[in-house]
N, C-alpha and C. Protein backbone atom coordinates (compact mmCIF):
# COMPACT_ATOMS: atom_id res chain seq x y z
N MET A 1 1.33 14.43 16.04
CA MET A 1 1.23 14.52 14.59
C MET A 1 1.20 13.11 13.99
N PRO A 2 0.14 12.75 13.29
CA PRO A 2 0.06 11.40 12.72
C PRO A 2 1.08 11.20 11.60
N ARG A 3 1.65 10.00 11.57
CA ARG A 3 2.63 9.66 10.54
C ARG A 3 1.92 9.20 9.28
N VAL A 4 2.56 9.48 8.15
CA VAL A 4 2.09 9.00 6.87
C VAL A 4 3.25 8.25 6.23
N TYR A 5 3.03 6.98 5.93
CA TYR A 5 4.05 6.18 5.28
C TYR A 5 3.65 6.03 3.81
N THR A 6 4.57 6.31 2.90
CA THR A 6 4.26 6.23 1.48
C THR A 6 5.12 5.17 0.81
N ASN A 7 4.57 4.56 -0.22
CA ASN A 7 5.25 3.57 -1.01
C ASN A 7 5.76 4.28 -2.27
N ARG A 8 6.93 4.90 -2.16
CA ARG A 8 7.46 5.67 -3.28
C ARG A 8 7.83 4.79 -4.46
N ARG A 9 8.19 3.55 -4.19
CA ARG A 9 8.57 2.64 -5.25
C ARG A 9 7.40 2.31 -6.17
N ALA A 10 6.18 2.31 -5.62
CA ALA A 10 4.99 1.98 -6.42
C ALA A 10 4.81 2.98 -7.56
N HIS A 11 5.13 4.24 -7.34
CA HIS A 11 4.98 5.26 -8.38
C HIS A 11 5.98 5.04 -9.50
N HIS A 12 7.11 4.45 -9.19
CA HIS A 12 8.14 4.19 -10.19
C HIS A 12 7.88 2.89 -10.95
N GLU A 13 7.43 1.87 -10.25
CA GLU A 13 7.28 0.54 -10.84
C GLU A 13 5.94 0.34 -11.55
N TYR A 14 4.90 1.10 -11.18
CA TYR A 14 3.56 0.86 -11.69
C TYR A 14 2.93 2.13 -12.23
N GLU A 15 2.00 1.93 -13.14
CA GLU A 15 1.14 3.01 -13.60
C GLU A 15 -0.13 2.90 -12.77
N LEU A 16 -0.36 3.88 -11.89
CA LEU A 16 -1.48 3.82 -10.95
C LEU A 16 -2.75 4.32 -11.63
N LEU A 17 -3.76 3.46 -11.69
CA LEU A 17 -4.97 3.78 -12.45
C LEU A 17 -6.09 4.34 -11.57
N GLU A 18 -6.43 3.65 -10.49
CA GLU A 18 -7.53 4.06 -9.64
C GLU A 18 -7.17 3.79 -8.18
N ARG A 19 -7.58 4.68 -7.28
CA ARG A 19 -7.21 4.55 -5.87
C ARG A 19 -8.43 4.27 -5.01
N PHE A 20 -8.20 3.50 -3.94
CA PHE A 20 -9.24 3.15 -2.98
C PHE A 20 -8.70 3.35 -1.58
N GLU A 21 -9.57 3.74 -0.66
CA GLU A 21 -9.20 3.87 0.75
C GLU A 21 -9.82 2.69 1.50
N ALA A 22 -8.99 1.99 2.28
CA ALA A 22 -9.46 0.83 3.02
C ALA A 22 -8.98 0.90 4.45
N GLY A 23 -9.80 0.41 5.36
CA GLY A 23 -9.37 0.23 6.74
C GLY A 23 -8.51 -1.02 6.81
N ILE A 24 -7.77 -1.16 7.89
CA ILE A 24 -6.90 -2.32 8.04
C ILE A 24 -7.10 -2.89 9.44
N ALA A 25 -7.26 -4.21 9.52
CA ALA A 25 -7.45 -4.89 10.80
C ALA A 25 -6.08 -5.17 11.41
N LEU A 26 -5.78 -4.51 12.53
CA LEU A 26 -4.48 -4.62 13.18
C LEU A 26 -4.61 -5.14 14.60
N MET A 27 -3.53 -5.74 15.10
CA MET A 27 -3.44 -6.12 16.51
C MET A 27 -2.92 -4.92 17.30
N GLY A 28 -3.07 -4.96 18.60
CA GLY A 28 -2.63 -3.84 19.43
C GLY A 28 -1.14 -3.57 19.33
N SER A 29 -0.32 -4.62 19.29
CA SER A 29 1.12 -4.42 19.19
C SER A 29 1.50 -3.82 17.84
N GLU A 30 0.72 -4.10 16.79
CA GLU A 30 0.98 -3.52 15.48
C GLU A 30 0.70 -2.02 15.48
N VAL A 31 -0.38 -1.62 16.13
CA VAL A 31 -0.72 -0.20 16.22
C VAL A 31 0.39 0.56 16.93
N LYS A 32 0.87 0.03 18.04
CA LYS A 32 1.94 0.70 18.78
C LYS A 32 3.22 0.73 17.97
N SER A 33 3.49 -0.32 17.23
CA SER A 33 4.69 -0.38 16.41
C SER A 33 4.62 0.62 15.25
N ILE A 34 3.45 0.77 14.63
CA ILE A 34 3.29 1.76 13.56
C ILE A 34 3.50 3.15 14.10
N ARG A 35 2.96 3.44 15.26
CA ARG A 35 3.15 4.77 15.86
C ARG A 35 4.61 5.02 16.20
N ALA A 36 5.35 3.96 16.55
CA ALA A 36 6.78 4.10 16.85
C ALA A 36 7.61 4.27 15.58
N GLY A 37 7.12 3.77 14.44
CA GLY A 37 7.80 3.94 13.16
C GLY A 37 8.41 2.67 12.63
N GLY A 38 8.78 2.68 11.35
CA GLY A 38 9.49 1.57 10.76
C GLY A 38 8.70 0.69 9.82
N VAL A 39 7.62 1.17 9.23
CA VAL A 39 6.82 0.39 8.30
C VAL A 39 7.56 0.32 6.96
N ASP A 40 7.54 -0.88 6.32
CA ASP A 40 8.25 -1.07 5.06
C ASP A 40 7.31 -1.69 4.03
N PHE A 41 7.16 -1.03 2.88
CA PHE A 41 6.27 -1.47 1.81
C PHE A 41 6.97 -2.33 0.76
N ARG A 42 8.22 -2.67 0.95
CA ARG A 42 9.05 -3.25 -0.11
C ARG A 42 8.39 -4.38 -0.89
N ASP A 43 7.82 -5.37 -0.24
CA ASP A 43 7.23 -6.51 -0.93
C ASP A 43 5.71 -6.57 -0.77
N ALA A 44 5.08 -5.46 -0.45
CA ALA A 44 3.65 -5.46 -0.12
C ALA A 44 2.78 -5.47 -1.37
N PHE A 45 1.70 -6.23 -1.29
CA PHE A 45 0.69 -6.28 -2.34
C PHE A 45 -0.62 -6.74 -1.71
N ALA A 46 -1.72 -6.52 -2.40
CA ALA A 46 -3.02 -6.96 -1.90
C ALA A 46 -3.55 -8.06 -2.80
N ARG A 47 -4.25 -9.00 -2.19
CA ARG A 47 -4.75 -10.17 -2.91
C ARG A 47 -6.20 -10.42 -2.49
N LEU A 48 -7.00 -10.88 -3.44
CA LEU A 48 -8.38 -11.25 -3.18
C LEU A 48 -8.43 -12.73 -2.79
N THR A 49 -8.84 -13.03 -1.54
CA THR A 49 -8.94 -14.41 -1.09
C THR A 49 -10.27 -14.60 -0.35
N ASN A 50 -11.04 -15.58 -0.80
CA ASN A 50 -12.32 -15.92 -0.17
C ASN A 50 -13.26 -14.73 -0.02
N GLY A 51 -13.32 -13.87 -1.02
CA GLY A 51 -14.22 -12.73 -0.98
C GLY A 51 -13.72 -11.57 -0.13
N ASN A 52 -12.50 -11.65 0.39
CA ASN A 52 -11.91 -10.57 1.18
C ASN A 52 -10.62 -10.11 0.51
N ILE A 53 -10.26 -8.87 0.76
CA ILE A 53 -8.99 -8.36 0.28
C ILE A 53 -8.01 -8.42 1.45
N GLU A 54 -6.85 -9.04 1.22
CA GLU A 54 -5.82 -9.14 2.26
C GLU A 54 -4.54 -8.47 1.78
N LEU A 55 -3.90 -7.78 2.70
CA LEU A 55 -2.63 -7.12 2.42
C LEU A 55 -1.52 -8.05 2.89
N GLU A 56 -0.65 -8.41 1.97
CA GLU A 56 0.43 -9.34 2.28
C GLU A 56 1.78 -8.69 2.04
N GLY A 57 2.75 -9.07 2.84
CA GLY A 57 4.11 -8.60 2.65
C GLY A 57 4.43 -7.26 3.29
N LEU A 58 3.46 -6.59 3.88
CA LEU A 58 3.73 -5.31 4.56
C LEU A 58 4.49 -5.61 5.85
N TYR A 59 5.65 -4.99 6.01
CA TYR A 59 6.49 -5.25 7.19
C TYR A 59 6.19 -4.22 8.26
N ILE A 60 5.68 -4.70 9.39
CA ILE A 60 5.50 -3.89 10.59
C ILE A 60 6.36 -4.55 11.66
N PRO A 61 7.42 -3.90 12.11
CA PRO A 61 8.34 -4.55 13.05
C PRO A 61 7.66 -4.92 14.36
N THR A 62 8.19 -5.94 15.02
CA THR A 62 7.63 -6.32 16.32
C THR A 62 7.84 -5.19 17.32
N TYR A 63 6.90 -5.08 18.23
CA TYR A 63 6.96 -4.03 19.24
C TYR A 63 7.78 -4.55 20.41
N THR A 64 8.85 -3.85 20.73
CA THR A 64 9.78 -4.35 21.75
C THR A 64 9.17 -4.41 23.15
N GLU A 65 8.21 -3.56 23.44
CA GLU A 65 7.61 -3.50 24.77
C GLU A 65 6.47 -4.52 24.94
N ALA A 66 6.10 -5.21 23.87
CA ALA A 66 4.97 -6.14 23.93
C ALA A 66 5.35 -7.42 24.68
N THR A 67 4.34 -8.12 25.13
CA THR A 67 4.54 -9.38 25.85
C THR A 67 4.57 -10.53 24.85
N TYR A 68 4.19 -11.70 25.29
CA TYR A 68 4.17 -12.88 24.43
C TYR A 68 3.12 -12.77 23.33
N ASN A 69 2.23 -11.80 23.38
CA ASN A 69 1.19 -11.60 22.37
C ASN A 69 1.66 -10.77 21.19
N ASN A 70 2.95 -10.69 20.94
CA ASN A 70 3.48 -9.90 19.84
C ASN A 70 3.03 -10.49 18.50
N HIS A 71 3.11 -9.73 17.45
CA HIS A 71 2.62 -10.13 16.13
C HIS A 71 3.76 -10.60 15.22
N GLU A 72 3.39 -11.29 14.15
CA GLU A 72 4.34 -11.66 13.10
C GLU A 72 4.56 -10.42 12.22
N PRO A 73 5.80 -10.06 11.90
CA PRO A 73 6.04 -8.82 11.14
C PRO A 73 5.43 -8.80 9.74
N ARG A 74 5.37 -9.92 9.03
CA ARG A 74 4.86 -9.93 7.65
C ARG A 74 3.59 -10.75 7.48
N ARG A 75 2.74 -10.79 8.49
CA ARG A 75 1.52 -11.59 8.38
C ARG A 75 0.52 -10.92 7.42
N ALA A 76 -0.42 -11.71 6.92
CA ALA A 76 -1.48 -11.18 6.05
C ALA A 76 -2.48 -10.43 6.92
N ARG A 77 -2.83 -9.23 6.50
CA ARG A 77 -3.77 -8.40 7.26
C ARG A 77 -5.01 -8.14 6.41
N ARG A 78 -6.17 -8.29 7.02
CA ARG A 78 -7.42 -8.11 6.29
C ARG A 78 -7.69 -6.62 6.09
N LEU A 79 -8.11 -6.28 4.88
CA LEU A 79 -8.48 -4.90 4.57
C LEU A 79 -10.00 -4.79 4.60
N LEU A 80 -10.48 -3.67 5.09
CA LEU A 80 -11.90 -3.46 5.29
C LEU A 80 -12.44 -2.53 4.21
N LEU A 81 -13.22 -3.11 3.30
CA LEU A 81 -13.82 -2.38 2.19
C LEU A 81 -15.30 -2.71 2.11
N HIS A 82 -16.06 -1.84 1.44
CA HIS A 82 -17.47 -2.12 1.19
C HIS A 82 -17.59 -3.24 0.16
N ARG A 83 -18.68 -3.96 0.22
CA ARG A 83 -18.91 -5.09 -0.68
C ARG A 83 -18.87 -4.65 -2.15
N GLU A 84 -19.42 -3.47 -2.44
CA GLU A 84 -19.42 -2.98 -3.83
C GLU A 84 -17.99 -2.71 -4.30
N GLU A 85 -17.16 -2.17 -3.42
CA GLU A 85 -15.76 -1.91 -3.79
C GLU A 85 -15.01 -3.21 -4.02
N ILE A 86 -15.27 -4.22 -3.20
CA ILE A 86 -14.63 -5.53 -3.39
C ILE A 86 -15.05 -6.13 -4.73
N GLY A 87 -16.32 -6.01 -5.08
CA GLY A 87 -16.81 -6.51 -6.37
C GLY A 87 -16.15 -5.79 -7.53
N LYS A 88 -16.01 -4.48 -7.40
CA LYS A 88 -15.36 -3.69 -8.45
C LYS A 88 -13.90 -4.11 -8.61
N LEU A 89 -13.21 -4.31 -7.49
CA LEU A 89 -11.82 -4.74 -7.54
C LEU A 89 -11.69 -6.15 -8.11
N LYS A 90 -12.63 -7.02 -7.77
CA LYS A 90 -12.60 -8.39 -8.29
C LYS A 90 -12.71 -8.39 -9.81
N ARG A 91 -13.64 -7.59 -10.34
CA ARG A 91 -13.79 -7.50 -11.80
C ARG A 91 -12.54 -6.92 -12.45
N ALA A 92 -11.93 -5.94 -11.81
CA ALA A 92 -10.73 -5.30 -12.37
C ALA A 92 -9.53 -6.24 -12.33
N LEU A 93 -9.40 -7.03 -11.26
CA LEU A 93 -8.25 -7.92 -11.13
C LEU A 93 -8.33 -9.12 -12.08
N GLU A 94 -9.52 -9.40 -12.59
CA GLU A 94 -9.64 -10.48 -13.56
C GLU A 94 -9.03 -10.10 -14.90
N GLN A 95 -8.84 -8.81 -15.15
CA GLN A 95 -8.17 -8.37 -16.37
C GLN A 95 -6.69 -8.69 -16.27
N LYS A 96 -6.11 -8.99 -17.39
CA LYS A 96 -4.70 -9.36 -17.40
C LYS A 96 -3.82 -8.15 -17.13
N GLY A 97 -2.85 -8.34 -16.27
CA GLY A 97 -1.84 -7.31 -16.04
C GLY A 97 -2.15 -6.31 -14.95
N LEU A 98 -3.28 -6.41 -14.26
CA LEU A 98 -3.61 -5.46 -13.20
C LEU A 98 -3.35 -6.09 -11.84
N THR A 99 -2.91 -5.27 -10.90
CA THR A 99 -2.65 -5.73 -9.55
C THR A 99 -3.04 -4.64 -8.56
N LEU A 100 -3.13 -5.00 -7.29
CA LEU A 100 -3.44 -4.05 -6.23
C LEU A 100 -2.16 -3.77 -5.44
N VAL A 101 -1.80 -2.50 -5.35
CA VAL A 101 -0.57 -2.11 -4.68
C VAL A 101 -0.91 -1.08 -3.60
N PRO A 102 -0.41 -1.26 -2.37
CA PRO A 102 -0.62 -0.23 -1.35
C PRO A 102 0.30 0.95 -1.62
N THR A 103 -0.24 2.16 -1.56
CA THR A 103 0.57 3.35 -1.82
C THR A 103 0.82 4.18 -0.57
N ARG A 104 -0.11 4.16 0.38
CA ARG A 104 0.08 4.93 1.61
C ARG A 104 -0.55 4.20 2.79
N LEU A 105 0.01 4.44 3.97
CA LEU A 105 -0.55 3.98 5.24
C LEU A 105 -0.57 5.21 6.14
N TYR A 106 -1.75 5.57 6.64
CA TYR A 106 -1.86 6.79 7.43
C TYR A 106 -2.94 6.63 8.49
N GLN A 107 -2.91 7.55 9.45
CA GLN A 107 -3.89 7.54 10.53
C GLN A 107 -4.96 8.57 10.22
N LYS A 108 -6.22 8.15 10.34
CA LYS A 108 -7.35 9.04 10.11
C LYS A 108 -8.22 8.96 11.35
N GLY A 109 -8.14 9.96 12.18
CA GLY A 109 -8.83 9.89 13.47
C GLY A 109 -8.08 8.93 14.37
N ARG A 110 -8.79 7.91 14.86
CA ARG A 110 -8.15 6.92 15.73
C ARG A 110 -7.80 5.63 14.99
N VAL A 111 -8.14 5.55 13.72
CA VAL A 111 -7.92 4.31 12.97
C VAL A 111 -6.86 4.51 11.88
N PHE A 112 -6.29 3.40 11.45
CA PHE A 112 -5.31 3.45 10.37
C PHE A 112 -5.98 3.05 9.06
N LYS A 113 -5.61 3.75 8.00
CA LYS A 113 -6.15 3.50 6.68
C LYS A 113 -5.01 3.18 5.72
N VAL A 114 -5.34 2.40 4.69
CA VAL A 114 -4.39 2.07 3.63
C VAL A 114 -4.98 2.57 2.33
N GLU A 115 -4.18 3.26 1.55
CA GLU A 115 -4.61 3.67 0.22
C GLU A 115 -4.10 2.63 -0.76
N LEU A 116 -5.01 1.99 -1.47
CA LEU A 116 -4.68 0.98 -2.47
C LEU A 116 -4.82 1.59 -3.85
N ALA A 117 -3.98 1.15 -4.76
CA ALA A 117 -4.09 1.61 -6.14
C ALA A 117 -4.20 0.39 -7.05
N LEU A 118 -5.13 0.46 -7.96
CA LEU A 118 -5.22 -0.53 -9.02
C LEU A 118 -4.14 -0.13 -10.02
N ALA A 119 -3.21 -1.03 -10.29
CA ALA A 119 -2.01 -0.64 -11.03
C ALA A 119 -1.68 -1.63 -12.14
N ARG A 120 -0.97 -1.10 -13.13
CA ARG A 120 -0.43 -1.91 -14.22
C ARG A 120 1.08 -1.69 -14.23
N GLY A 121 1.82 -2.77 -14.31
CA GLY A 121 3.28 -2.68 -14.28
C GLY A 121 3.83 -1.92 -15.47
N LYS A 122 4.84 -1.09 -15.22
CA LYS A 122 5.48 -0.34 -16.29
C LYS A 122 6.56 -1.18 -16.95
N LYS A 123 6.73 -0.97 -18.22
CA LYS A 123 7.82 -1.58 -18.97
C LYS A 123 9.05 -0.68 -18.81
N LEU A 124 10.21 -1.18 -19.19
CA LEU A 124 11.45 -0.42 -19.04
C LEU A 124 11.41 0.89 -19.81
N HIS A 125 10.87 0.86 -21.04
CA HIS A 125 10.85 2.09 -21.83
C HIS A 125 9.88 3.12 -21.22
N ASP A 126 8.83 2.67 -20.54
CA ASP A 126 7.92 3.59 -19.86
C ASP A 126 8.62 4.27 -18.69
N LYS A 127 9.44 3.51 -17.97
CA LYS A 127 10.18 4.08 -16.85
C LYS A 127 11.17 5.13 -17.34
N ARG A 128 11.83 4.84 -18.46
CA ARG A 128 12.78 5.81 -19.02
C ARG A 128 12.08 7.08 -19.46
N ARG A 129 10.91 6.94 -20.09
CA ARG A 129 10.16 8.11 -20.54
C ARG A 129 9.72 8.95 -19.34
N ALA A 130 9.25 8.30 -18.28
CA ALA A 130 8.81 9.03 -17.08
C ALA A 130 9.99 9.75 -16.44
N GLU A 131 11.16 9.12 -16.41
CA GLU A 131 12.35 9.77 -15.85
C GLU A 131 12.77 10.97 -16.69
N ALA A 132 12.68 10.86 -18.02
CA ALA A 132 13.02 11.98 -18.90
C ALA A 132 12.07 13.15 -18.70
N GLU A 133 10.76 12.86 -18.56
CA GLU A 133 9.78 13.92 -18.31
C GLU A 133 10.03 14.60 -16.98
N LYS A 134 10.39 13.82 -15.98
CA LYS A 134 10.67 14.36 -14.65
C LYS A 134 11.88 15.29 -14.70
N THR A 135 12.92 14.88 -15.42
CA THR A 135 14.12 15.70 -15.56
C THR A 135 13.80 16.99 -16.30
N LEU A 136 12.99 16.91 -17.36
CA LEU A 136 12.61 18.09 -18.13
C LEU A 136 11.82 19.07 -17.27
N ARG A 137 10.86 18.56 -16.48
CA ARG A 137 10.10 19.44 -15.57
C ARG A 137 11.00 20.13 -14.56
N ARG A 138 11.98 19.40 -14.03
CA ARG A 138 12.91 19.97 -13.05
C ARG A 138 13.74 21.08 -13.69
N GLU A 139 14.22 20.88 -14.92
CA GLU A 139 15.01 21.90 -15.60
C GLU A 139 14.19 23.13 -15.92
N LEU A 140 12.94 22.94 -16.34
CA LEU A 140 12.07 24.09 -16.61
C LEU A 140 11.76 24.87 -15.34
N ARG A 141 11.61 24.18 -14.24
CA ARG A 141 11.32 24.84 -12.97
C ARG A 141 12.52 25.66 -12.51
N GLU A 142 13.72 25.21 -12.80
CA GLU A 142 14.92 25.94 -12.39
C GLU A 142 15.14 27.21 -13.19
N LEU A 143 14.56 27.29 -14.40
CA LEU A 143 14.73 28.49 -15.24
C LEU A 143 13.83 29.59 -14.87
């Protein structure tokens, strides 16, 4: 059964506007480590560098069974997107206040995919309103 890792904090901290699916370039020890578990999205974000999108801050623990070719846990990983999607993201990121946040990491067939969301940071009052709506929905569902 393939694992799906979700970034639950992104839904709380950001208003997610548009989602993209991207492949991710991984080393062999990273693939084995993801299958073993323990991925952490805590400080992860995507950045446009030299015409490529790179995922930074995603923690994939070192694989204990690997040899000297083990990977760095928080290295920048290249994301694989179509040129048109990169252009669209570049235009969107030039707007003030928008960022790229990874929301999910999952296996699709034999490859791993990352779901990216174009996001705008929430203010404190927006977080409170979202929490109040969530509580109201929960109470209505219980009735």
